[in-house]
Amino acid sequence: MSFRLGCELRDKIRAISPVTATIAEGVLKYCTGKSDVALALFNGTDDPLVPYNSGSVTIFRKERGKITPLHNKL
């Protein structure tokens, strides 16, 4: 949610700091604008729920959506 708020409210939010999260593919369309949002991000490369290099987030055997590799997007 912090990624989406950072994208949609770029003119009102100066920084976000999600923990164990990445940006969902569907949120990228909201990331337009001229204001920069500072980002502090904390992810593990071996996280079994949130894949570091993109892929599907699966929780309790249910796919929750696809995510992008942030190190390629930011």
Protein backbone atom coordinates (compact mmCIF):
# COMPACT_ATOMS: atom_id res chain seq x y z
CA MET A 1 0.00 0.00 0.00
CA SER A 2 2.85 2.41 0.72
CA PHE A 3 4.11 2.00 -2.86
CA ARG A 4 0.70 2.87 -4.27
CA LEU A 5 0.33 5.89 -1.99
CA GLY A 6 3.84 7.02 -2.90
CA CYS A 7 2.95 6.78 -6.58
CA GLU A 8 -0.54 8.26 -6.46
CA LEU A 9 0.20 11.04 -3.97
CA ARG A 10 3.67 12.04 -5.17
CA ASP A 11 2.90 15.71 -4.61
CA LYS A 12 1.90 15.11 -0.96
CA ILE A 13 4.18 12.28 0.23
CA ARG A 14 7.94 12.87 0.42
CA ALA A 15 9.14 9.39 1.48
CA ILE A 16 8.02 5.80 1.99
CA SER A 17 9.70 2.87 3.72
CA PRO A 18 8.05 -0.49 3.01
CA VAL A 19 9.43 -3.56 4.78
CA THR A 20 9.39 -6.96 3.05
CA ALA A 21 7.48 -5.66 0.11
CA THR A 22 7.88 -4.83 -3.52
CA ILE A 23 5.76 -3.11 -6.09
CA ALA A 24 2.88 -4.98 -7.67
CA GLU A 25 2.73 -4.95 -11.46
CA GLY A 26 -0.67 -3.23 -11.36
CA VAL A 27 0.65 -0.30 -9.30
CA LEU A 28 3.29 0.78 -11.84
CA LYS A 29 0.65 2.51 -13.96
CA TYR A 30 0.12 5.00 -11.09
CA CYS A 31 3.82 5.90 -10.92
CA THR A 32 3.85 8.92 -13.17
CA GLY A 33 4.51 12.49 -12.29
CA LYS A 34 7.26 14.96 -11.68
CA SER A 35 7.80 14.72 -7.92
CA ASP A 36 10.37 12.34 -6.49
CA VAL A 37 9.53 10.18 -3.48
CA ALA A 38 12.42 9.01 -1.31
CA LEU A 39 12.47 5.26 -0.70
CA ALA A 40 14.03 3.12 2.03
CA LEU A 41 13.40 -0.54 1.22
CA PHE A 42 14.15 -3.63 3.29
CA ASN A 43 13.88 -6.99 1.49
CA GLY A 44 15.62 -10.32 1.92
CA THR A 45 16.94 -12.22 -1.08
CA ASP A 46 15.76 -15.57 0.38
CA ASP A 47 12.25 -14.48 1.41
CA PRO A 48 9.91 -17.40 0.60
CA LEU A 49 6.81 -15.18 0.34
CA VAL A 50 8.09 -12.13 -1.56
CA PRO A 51 10.51 -13.17 -4.33
CA TYR A 52 13.37 -10.70 -4.69
CA ASN A 53 13.77 -11.13 -8.46
CA SER A 54 10.05 -10.82 -9.31
CA GLY A 55 7.43 -13.50 -9.68
CA SER A 56 4.24 -14.44 -7.88
CA VAL A 57 3.53 -13.80 -4.22
CA THR A 58 1.97 -16.93 -2.72
CA ILE A 59 0.55 -16.98 0.79
CA PHE A 60 -1.14 -20.07 2.20
CA ARG A 61 -1.00 -21.67 -1.26
CA LYS A 62 -2.99 -18.79 -2.77
CA GLU A 63 -1.41 -16.58 -5.41
CA ARG A 64 -1.76 -12.94 -4.38
CA GLY A 65 -0.41 -11.31 -7.54
CA LYS A 66 2.76 -10.68 -9.48
CA ILE A 67 5.55 -8.33 -8.47
CA THR A 68 8.34 -6.58 -10.31
CA PRO A 69 12.06 -6.70 -9.56
CA LEU A 70 12.68 -3.34 -7.87
CA HIS A 71 16.40 -3.31 -8.49
CA ASN A 72 15.56 -3.02 -12.21
CA LYS A 73 12.85 -0.36 -11.80
CA LEU A 74 14.25 2.21 -9.39
